[in-house]
Amino acid sequence: MGKNINHLLRQAQQMQQKMGALQKELETREIDVSSGGGAVKIKINGKQEIISLSISQECLSTNDKELIEETLLTAINQAVKESQTMVSSAMSKVTGGLNIPGLT
């Protein structure tokens, strides 16, 4: 029985190391998202940090505050969703599909 526990501990340590390396890698992964036919472009990383935001001159020249806000909101929500999906997918590969609370 002691061998089984040692084996499980070793596996857990290996998974922890892999997850730590993956988390660092995910910080550098970036996703580009656009909304409004390219009127708003967002770059986000695996930590759900927005790296850049671009609003086209055409969008700004509409002077339609509500349209600009809605387009921004759509792009931001899509960027966060895609980043979360990327992280969940990458973590699932490391954990073998185990749902470990607090990792995603």
N, C-alpha and C. Protein backbone atom coordinates (compact mmCIF):
# COMPACT_ATOMS: atom_id res chain seq x y z
N MET A 1 0.83 -1.19 0.00
CA MET A 1 0.00 0.00 0.00
C MET A 1 0.87 1.25 0.00
N GLY A 2 2.03 1.19 0.66
CA GLY A 2 2.93 2.33 0.69
C GLY A 2 3.46 2.69 -0.69
N LYS A 3 3.64 1.67 -1.53
CA LYS A 3 4.12 1.91 -2.90
C LYS A 3 3.08 2.69 -3.69
N ASN A 4 1.82 2.37 -3.50
CA ASN A 4 0.74 3.07 -4.21
C ASN A 4 0.69 4.54 -3.81
N ILE A 5 0.85 4.82 -2.55
CA ILE A 5 0.82 6.21 -2.07
C ILE A 5 2.01 6.98 -2.62
N ASN A 6 3.18 6.36 -2.58
CA ASN A 6 4.38 7.02 -3.14
C ASN A 6 4.21 7.28 -4.64
N HIS A 7 3.63 6.33 -5.34
CA HIS A 7 3.40 6.49 -6.77
C HIS A 7 2.42 7.64 -7.03
N LEU A 8 1.36 7.70 -6.24
CA LEU A 8 0.38 8.78 -6.39
C LEU A 8 1.00 10.14 -6.07
N LEU A 9 1.83 10.19 -5.04
CA LEU A 9 2.49 11.44 -4.70
C LEU A 9 3.43 11.89 -5.81
N ARG A 10 4.14 10.95 -6.39
CA ARG A 10 5.04 11.26 -7.50
C ARG A 10 4.26 11.79 -8.70
N GLN A 11 3.13 11.16 -9.00
CA GLN A 11 2.29 11.61 -10.11
C GLN A 11 1.75 13.01 -9.85
N ALA A 12 1.33 13.25 -8.61
CA ALA A 12 0.80 14.57 -8.26
C ALA A 12 1.88 15.64 -8.39
N GLN A 13 3.10 15.34 -7.98
CA GLN A 13 4.20 16.29 -8.11
C GLN A 13 4.51 16.56 -9.58
N GLN A 14 4.49 15.53 -10.40
CA GLN A 14 4.75 15.71 -11.83
C GLN A 14 3.66 16.57 -12.47
N MET A 15 2.40 16.32 -12.09
CA MET A 15 1.29 17.10 -12.63
C MET A 15 1.43 18.56 -12.19
N GLN A 16 1.81 18.77 -10.95
CA GLN A 16 1.99 20.13 -10.43
C GLN A 16 3.08 20.86 -11.21
N GLN A 17 4.17 20.18 -11.51
CA GLN A 17 5.26 20.79 -12.28
C GLN A 17 4.80 21.13 -13.69
N LYS A 18 4.08 20.20 -14.31
CA LYS A 18 3.58 20.44 -15.67
C LYS A 18 2.60 21.62 -15.68
N MET A 19 1.76 21.70 -14.66
CA MET A 19 0.78 22.78 -14.60
C MET A 19 1.47 24.13 -14.39
N GLY A 20 2.49 24.16 -13.57
CA GLY A 20 3.23 25.40 -13.36
C GLY A 20 3.88 25.88 -14.64
N ALA A 21 4.47 24.95 -15.38
CA ALA A 21 5.09 25.31 -16.67
C ALA A 21 4.02 25.77 -17.66
N LEU A 22 2.89 25.10 -17.67
CA LEU A 22 1.81 25.47 -18.58
C LEU A 22 1.27 26.86 -18.26
N GLN A 23 1.10 27.15 -16.97
CA GLN A 23 0.59 28.48 -16.58
C GLN A 23 1.53 29.58 -17.06
N LYS A 24 2.83 29.36 -16.97
CA LYS A 24 3.79 30.35 -17.47
C LYS A 24 3.67 30.48 -18.98
N GLU A 25 3.52 29.36 -19.66
CA GLU A 25 3.37 29.39 -21.11
C GLU A 25 2.09 30.13 -21.51
N LEU A 26 1.01 29.88 -20.79
CA LEU A 26 -0.27 30.51 -21.12
C LEU A 26 -0.21 32.03 -20.99
N GLU A 27 0.64 32.51 -20.08
CA GLU A 27 0.80 33.96 -19.93
C GLU A 27 1.32 34.59 -21.22
N THR A 28 2.04 33.81 -22.01
CA THR A 28 2.63 34.35 -23.24
C THR A 28 1.75 34.10 -24.46
N ARG A 29 0.79 33.22 -24.37
CA ARG A 29 -0.11 32.95 -25.50
C ARG A 29 -1.06 34.12 -25.67
N GLU A 30 -1.29 34.49 -26.91
CA GLU A 30 -2.16 35.62 -27.21
C GLU A 30 -3.22 35.23 -28.22
N ILE A 31 -4.38 35.84 -28.08
CA ILE A 31 -5.50 35.62 -28.99
C ILE A 31 -5.93 36.98 -29.52
N ASP A 32 -6.19 37.04 -30.82
CA ASP A 32 -6.72 38.26 -31.44
C ASP A 32 -8.20 38.07 -31.71
N VAL A 33 -9.00 39.05 -31.30
CA VAL A 33 -10.45 39.01 -31.48
C VAL A 33 -10.88 40.34 -32.07
N SER A 34 -11.88 40.29 -32.95
CA SER A 34 -12.41 41.53 -33.49
C SER A 34 -13.93 41.50 -33.42
N SER A 35 -14.52 42.67 -33.47
CA SER A 35 -15.97 42.82 -33.39
C SER A 35 -16.38 43.94 -34.33
N GLY A 36 -17.63 43.91 -34.75
CA GLY A 36 -18.13 44.97 -35.61
C GLY A 36 -17.43 44.99 -36.96
N GLY A 37 -17.15 43.80 -37.51
CA GLY A 37 -16.48 43.73 -38.79
C GLY A 37 -15.07 44.29 -38.77
N GLY A 38 -14.43 44.18 -37.63
CA GLY A 38 -13.05 44.67 -37.49
C GLY A 38 -12.97 46.09 -36.94
N ALA A 39 -14.11 46.65 -36.56
CA ALA A 39 -14.12 48.01 -36.01
C ALA A 39 -13.37 48.08 -34.68
N VAL A 40 -13.45 47.00 -33.92
CA VAL A 40 -12.75 46.92 -32.64
C VAL A 40 -11.91 45.65 -32.66
N LYS A 41 -10.64 45.79 -32.32
CA LYS A 41 -9.74 44.64 -32.26
C LYS A 41 -9.11 44.59 -30.88
N ILE A 42 -9.05 43.38 -30.33
CA ILE A 42 -8.51 43.17 -28.98
C ILE A 42 -7.50 42.03 -29.03
N LYS A 43 -6.41 42.21 -28.31
CA LYS A 43 -5.43 41.13 -28.11
C LYS A 43 -5.44 40.83 -26.62
N ILE A 44 -5.59 39.54 -26.29
CA ILE A 44 -5.69 39.12 -24.89
C ILE A 44 -4.76 37.92 -24.68
N ASN A 45 -4.25 37.77 -23.46
CA ASN A 45 -3.37 36.64 -23.18
C ASN A 45 -4.09 35.59 -22.35
N GLY A 46 -3.38 34.53 -22.00
CA GLY A 46 -3.94 33.43 -21.25
C GLY A 46 -4.25 33.74 -19.80
N LYS A 47 -3.86 34.91 -19.34
CA LYS A 47 -4.22 35.35 -17.98
C LYS A 47 -5.45 36.25 -18.01
N GLN A 48 -6.11 36.32 -19.15
CA GLN A 48 -7.26 37.18 -19.38
C GLN A 48 -6.92 38.65 -19.19
N GLU A 49 -5.69 39.02 -19.54
CA GLU A 49 -5.27 40.42 -19.52
C GLU A 49 -5.34 40.95 -20.94
N ILE A 50 -6.01 42.07 -21.10
CA ILE A 50 -6.08 42.68 -22.42
C ILE A 50 -4.76 43.38 -22.67
N ILE A 51 -4.10 42.97 -23.75
CA ILE A 51 -2.78 43.50 -24.10
C ILE A 51 -2.90 44.73 -24.97
N SER A 52 -3.85 44.70 -25.90
CA SER A 52 -4.05 45.87 -26.75
C SER A 52 -5.51 45.97 -27.17
N LEU A 53 -5.89 47.18 -27.49
CA LEU A 53 -7.26 47.50 -27.90
C LEU A 53 -7.16 48.53 -29.01
N SER A 54 -7.85 48.28 -30.10
CA SER A 54 -7.82 49.19 -31.23
C SER A 54 -9.24 49.46 -31.71
N ILE A 55 -9.57 50.72 -31.91
CA ILE A 55 -10.87 51.11 -32.44
C ILE A 55 -10.62 51.83 -33.75
N SER A 56 -11.27 51.37 -34.82
CA SER A 56 -11.03 51.97 -36.13
C SER A 56 -11.56 53.40 -36.17
N GLN A 57 -10.94 54.19 -37.00
CA GLN A 57 -11.36 55.59 -37.18
C GLN A 57 -12.80 55.65 -37.69
N GLU A 58 -13.16 54.71 -38.55
CA GLU A 58 -14.53 54.68 -39.09
C GLU A 58 -15.55 54.49 -37.97
N CYS A 59 -15.22 53.63 -37.03
CA CYS A 59 -16.12 53.39 -35.90
C CYS A 59 -16.25 54.66 -35.06
N LEU A 60 -15.12 55.29 -34.79
CA LEU A 60 -15.15 56.52 -33.98
C LEU A 60 -15.89 57.65 -34.68
N SER A 61 -15.77 57.71 -36.00
CA SER A 61 -16.38 58.83 -36.73
C SER A 61 -17.89 58.72 -36.83
N THR A 62 -18.46 57.58 -36.41
CA THR A 62 -19.92 57.45 -36.41
C THR A 62 -20.54 58.34 -35.34
N ASN A 63 -19.74 58.67 -34.34
CA ASN A 63 -20.23 59.46 -33.21
C ASN A 63 -21.44 58.82 -32.53
N ASP A 64 -21.58 57.53 -32.68
CA ASP A 64 -22.68 56.78 -32.06
C ASP A 64 -22.13 56.09 -30.82
N LYS A 65 -22.23 56.79 -29.70
CA LYS A 65 -21.67 56.31 -28.43
C LYS A 65 -22.18 54.91 -28.08
N GLU A 66 -23.46 54.69 -28.21
CA GLU A 66 -24.03 53.39 -27.84
C GLU A 66 -23.51 52.27 -28.73
N LEU A 67 -23.36 52.53 -30.02
CA LEU A 67 -22.83 51.53 -30.94
C LEU A 67 -21.38 51.20 -30.60
N ILE A 68 -20.59 52.21 -30.32
CA ILE A 68 -19.19 52.01 -29.95
C ILE A 68 -19.08 51.20 -28.67
N GLU A 69 -19.88 51.55 -27.66
CA GLU A 69 -19.86 50.83 -26.39
C GLU A 69 -20.27 49.37 -26.58
N GLU A 70 -21.32 49.13 -27.37
CA GLU A 70 -21.79 47.75 -27.60
C GLU A 70 -20.75 46.94 -28.36
N THR A 71 -20.10 47.56 -29.33
CA THR A 71 -19.06 46.87 -30.10
C THR A 71 -17.87 46.53 -29.20
N LEU A 72 -17.48 47.46 -28.34
CA LEU A 72 -16.40 47.21 -27.38
C LEU A 72 -16.76 46.08 -26.43
N LEU A 73 -17.96 46.13 -25.88
CA LEU A 73 -18.41 45.12 -24.94
C LEU A 73 -18.43 43.73 -25.59
N THR A 74 -18.91 43.65 -26.80
CA THR A 74 -18.94 42.38 -27.52
C THR A 74 -17.52 41.83 -27.71
N ALA A 75 -16.62 42.69 -28.14
CA ALA A 75 -15.23 42.26 -28.38
C ALA A 75 -14.56 41.82 -27.09
N ILE A 76 -14.74 42.56 -26.02
CA ILE A 76 -14.12 42.22 -24.73
C ILE A 76 -14.65 40.88 -24.23
N ASN A 77 -15.97 40.71 -24.24
CA ASN A 77 -16.55 39.45 -23.76
C ASN A 77 -16.09 38.27 -24.60
N GLN A 78 -16.02 38.45 -25.92
CA GLN A 78 -15.56 37.36 -26.79
C GLN A 78 -14.08 37.03 -26.52
N ALA A 79 -13.27 38.06 -26.32
CA ALA A 79 -11.85 37.84 -26.05
C ALA A 79 -11.65 37.06 -24.75
N VAL A 80 -12.37 37.45 -23.70
CA VAL A 80 -12.25 36.76 -22.42
C VAL A 80 -12.73 35.31 -22.56
N LYS A 81 -13.83 35.11 -23.25
CA LYS A 81 -14.37 33.76 -23.44
C LYS A 81 -13.37 32.88 -24.19
N GLU A 82 -12.79 33.39 -25.27
CA GLU A 82 -11.83 32.61 -26.04
C GLU A 82 -10.56 32.31 -25.24
N SER A 83 -10.14 33.27 -24.43
CA SER A 83 -8.96 33.06 -23.58
C SER A 83 -9.25 31.98 -22.54
N GLN A 84 -10.42 32.03 -21.93
CA GLN A 84 -10.78 31.02 -20.94
C GLN A 84 -10.87 29.63 -21.56
N THR A 85 -11.41 29.56 -22.76
CA THR A 85 -11.51 28.29 -23.47
C THR A 85 -10.12 27.73 -23.77
N MET A 86 -9.21 28.61 -24.19
CA MET A 86 -7.84 28.19 -24.47
C MET A 86 -7.19 27.63 -23.20
N VAL A 87 -7.36 28.32 -22.09
CA VAL A 87 -6.77 27.88 -20.83
C VAL A 87 -7.38 26.56 -20.38
N SER A 88 -8.69 26.44 -20.44
CA SER A 88 -9.36 25.20 -20.02
C SER A 88 -8.90 24.02 -20.85
N SER A 89 -8.79 24.24 -22.15
CA SER A 89 -8.35 23.17 -23.04
C SER A 89 -6.92 22.74 -22.73
N ALA A 90 -6.05 23.71 -22.52
CA ALA A 90 -4.64 23.40 -22.20
C ALA A 90 -4.53 22.69 -20.86
N MET A 91 -5.26 23.14 -19.87
CA MET A 91 -5.22 22.52 -18.53
C MET A 91 -5.78 21.10 -18.58
N SER A 92 -6.80 20.89 -19.38
CA SER A 92 -7.41 19.57 -19.50
C SER A 92 -6.41 18.56 -20.04
N LYS A 93 -5.54 19.01 -20.95
CA LYS A 93 -4.52 18.11 -21.49
C LYS A 93 -3.53 17.69 -20.41
N VAL A 94 -3.21 18.59 -19.49
CA VAL A 94 -2.25 18.29 -18.43
C VAL A 94 -2.90 17.42 -17.34
N THR A 95 -4.15 17.71 -17.01
CA THR A 95 -4.81 17.00 -15.91
C THR A 95 -5.51 15.74 -16.38
N GLY A 96 -5.48 15.48 -17.68
CA GLY A 96 -6.14 14.29 -18.20
C GLY A 96 -7.64 14.37 -18.08
N GLY A 97 -8.19 15.58 -18.09
CA GLY A 97 -9.63 15.75 -18.00
C GLY A 97 -10.16 15.86 -16.59
N LEU A 98 -9.29 15.70 -15.59
CA LEU A 98 -9.73 15.85 -14.20
C LEU A 98 -10.16 17.29 -13.97
N ASN A 99 -11.27 17.47 -13.31
CA ASN A 99 -11.75 18.81 -12.98
C ASN A 99 -11.20 19.18 -11.61
N ILE A 100 -10.15 19.96 -11.58
CA ILE A 100 -9.52 20.36 -10.32
C ILE A 100 -9.91 21.81 -10.03
N PRO A 101 -10.70 22.03 -8.98
CA PRO A 101 -11.17 23.38 -8.67
C PRO A 101 -10.02 24.39 -8.52
N GLY A 102 -10.25 25.59 -9.06
CA GLY A 102 -9.28 26.67 -8.90
C GLY A 102 -8.19 26.71 -9.96
N LEU A 103 -8.21 25.79 -10.91
CA LEU A 103 -7.16 25.77 -11.92
C LEU A 103 -7.55 26.50 -13.19
N THR A 104 -8.82 26.71 -13.44
CA THR A 104 -9.22 27.39 -14.65
C THR A 104 -9.98 28.64 -14.34
